[in-house]
Amino acid sequence: MKKTTISLAFISILLGGCSTTKDWSATGGSKADGVIRLSYEFGQFELPQVSEEQAILLAARRCAVWGYTHAEAFGGMTKQCNMPDGFGGCSNWIVTKEYQCTGSTAQ
């Protein structure tokens, strides 16, 4: 019984240690199209946890600089390897999501 408890505790620590909170950051966009691009990176052994609320707030702040009042997420995300590990896998990923600026102010 004691070995089982220790094993479960060890597994819980390992799994919990892999979960990592990631913040979105602005990585591009187009003022003419009213599009903001946000991204985050994570490593091979990380399970990224991201906040959609943080992303929307960041995108809306960036859109406000261009005269818009809101931002809405497009449908999907892209995930690209930015550090191949040499064995056909990837040791670092970048995830990118685009947001449409909406609610243009009077011009």
Protein backbone atom coordinates (compact mmCIF):
# COMPACT_ATOMS: atom_id res chain seq x y z
CA MET A 1 0.00 0.00 0.00
CA LYS A 2 2.82 2.38 0.91
CA LYS A 3 4.62 1.73 -2.40
CA THR A 4 1.41 2.48 -4.32
CA THR A 5 0.95 5.78 -2.48
CA ILE A 6 4.54 6.80 -3.12
CA SER A 7 4.27 5.81 -6.79
CA LEU A 8 1.05 7.80 -7.23
CA ALA A 9 2.60 10.83 -5.53
CA PHE A 10 5.66 10.63 -7.78
CA ILE A 11 3.55 10.33 -10.94
CA SER A 12 1.41 13.28 -9.83
CA ILE A 13 4.52 15.41 -9.32
CA LEU A 14 5.87 14.46 -12.74
CA LEU A 15 2.62 15.19 -14.53
CA GLY A 16 2.00 18.41 -12.62
CA GLY A 17 5.51 19.62 -13.36
CA CYS A 18 4.91 19.37 -17.09
CA SER A 19 1.97 21.78 -17.08
CA THR A 20 3.22 25.30 -17.77
CA THR A 21 1.33 28.59 -17.93
CA LYS A 22 2.18 30.52 -21.08
CA ASP A 23 1.34 34.13 -21.91
CA TRP A 24 0.39 35.27 -25.38
CA SER A 25 2.53 37.98 -26.95
CA ALA A 26 1.96 40.11 -30.04
CA THR A 27 4.09 38.84 -32.90
CA GLY A 28 2.66 40.64 -35.91
CA GLY A 29 -0.38 41.89 -37.69
CA SER A 30 -1.69 44.19 -40.37
CA LYS A 31 -3.17 47.61 -39.72
CA ALA A 32 -4.69 47.68 -43.23
CA ASP A 33 -6.46 44.34 -42.62
CA GLY A 34 -7.18 45.00 -38.94
CA VAL A 35 -5.53 41.72 -37.92
CA ILE A 36 -3.39 41.05 -34.84
CA ARG A 37 -1.18 37.95 -34.58
CA LEU A 38 -0.46 36.53 -31.11
CA SER A 39 1.90 33.66 -30.28
CA TYR A 40 3.44 31.61 -27.48
CA GLU A 41 6.23 29.02 -27.41
CA PHE A 42 6.52 25.76 -25.54
CA GLY A 43 9.04 22.98 -25.21
CA GLN A 44 8.81 19.29 -25.98
CA PHE A 45 7.99 18.22 -22.42
CA GLU A 46 5.66 21.10 -21.54
CA LEU A 47 1.88 21.03 -21.53
CA PRO A 48 1.05 24.69 -22.16
CA GLN A 49 -1.88 26.30 -20.37
CA VAL A 50 -3.00 29.56 -22.00
CA SER A 51 -5.69 32.09 -21.19
CA GLU A 52 -8.06 33.05 -23.99
CA GLU A 53 -9.11 36.03 -21.86
CA GLN A 54 -5.51 37.29 -21.73
CA ALA A 55 -5.26 36.87 -25.52
CA ILE A 56 -8.48 38.81 -26.23
CA LEU A 57 -7.44 41.64 -23.89
CA LEU A 58 -4.00 41.89 -25.50
CA ALA A 59 -5.44 41.81 -29.02
CA ALA A 60 -8.05 44.45 -28.12
CA ARG A 61 -5.33 46.73 -26.68
CA ARG A 62 -3.31 46.38 -29.88
CA CYS A 63 -6.43 47.02 -32.00
CA ALA A 64 -7.23 50.14 -29.94
CA VAL A 65 -3.93 51.68 -31.07
CA TRP A 66 -5.27 51.42 -34.64
CA GLY A 67 -8.64 52.97 -33.74
CA TYR A 68 -10.71 49.82 -33.21
CA THR A 69 -12.73 49.07 -30.10
CA HIS A 70 -12.72 45.24 -29.94
CA ALA A 71 -11.01 42.08 -31.16
CA GLU A 72 -12.44 38.69 -32.10
CA ALA A 73 -10.54 35.44 -32.55
CA PHE A 74 -10.43 33.76 -35.93
CA GLY A 75 -11.33 30.08 -35.95
CA GLY A 76 -8.06 28.24 -35.55
CA MET A 77 -4.42 28.26 -34.55
CA THR A 78 -1.22 27.23 -36.26
CA LYS A 79 1.48 25.17 -34.56
CA GLN A 80 4.94 25.14 -36.10
CA CYS A 81 8.16 23.51 -35.04
CA ASN A 82 10.84 26.12 -34.51
CA MET A 83 13.54 23.76 -33.18
CA PRO A 84 13.81 20.28 -34.75
CA ASP A 85 15.43 17.77 -32.41
CA GLY A 86 17.43 15.91 -35.06
CA PHE A 87 15.48 12.66 -34.67
CA GLY A 88 12.48 13.63 -36.78
CA GLY A 89 10.69 15.27 -33.86
CA CYS A 90 10.54 18.75 -32.43
CA SER A 91 11.92 20.13 -29.18
CA ASN A 92 10.24 23.57 -29.34
CA TRP A 93 6.96 24.74 -30.84
CA ILE A 94 5.41 28.12 -31.60
CA VAL A 95 1.62 28.46 -31.60
CA THR A 96 0.05 31.44 -33.39
CA LYS A 97 -3.52 32.70 -33.43
CA GLU A 98 -4.97 35.64 -35.34
CA TYR A 99 -7.54 38.14 -34.13
CA GLN A 100 -9.74 40.45 -36.19
CA CYS A 101 -10.03 44.03 -34.98
CA THR A 102 -13.68 45.14 -34.91
CA GLY A 103 -15.75 48.17 -33.98
CA SER A 104 -13.91 50.80 -35.98
CA THR A 105 -14.20 54.26 -34.48
CA ALA A 106 -15.47 57.23 -36.53
CA GLN A 107 -12.93 58.35 -39.09
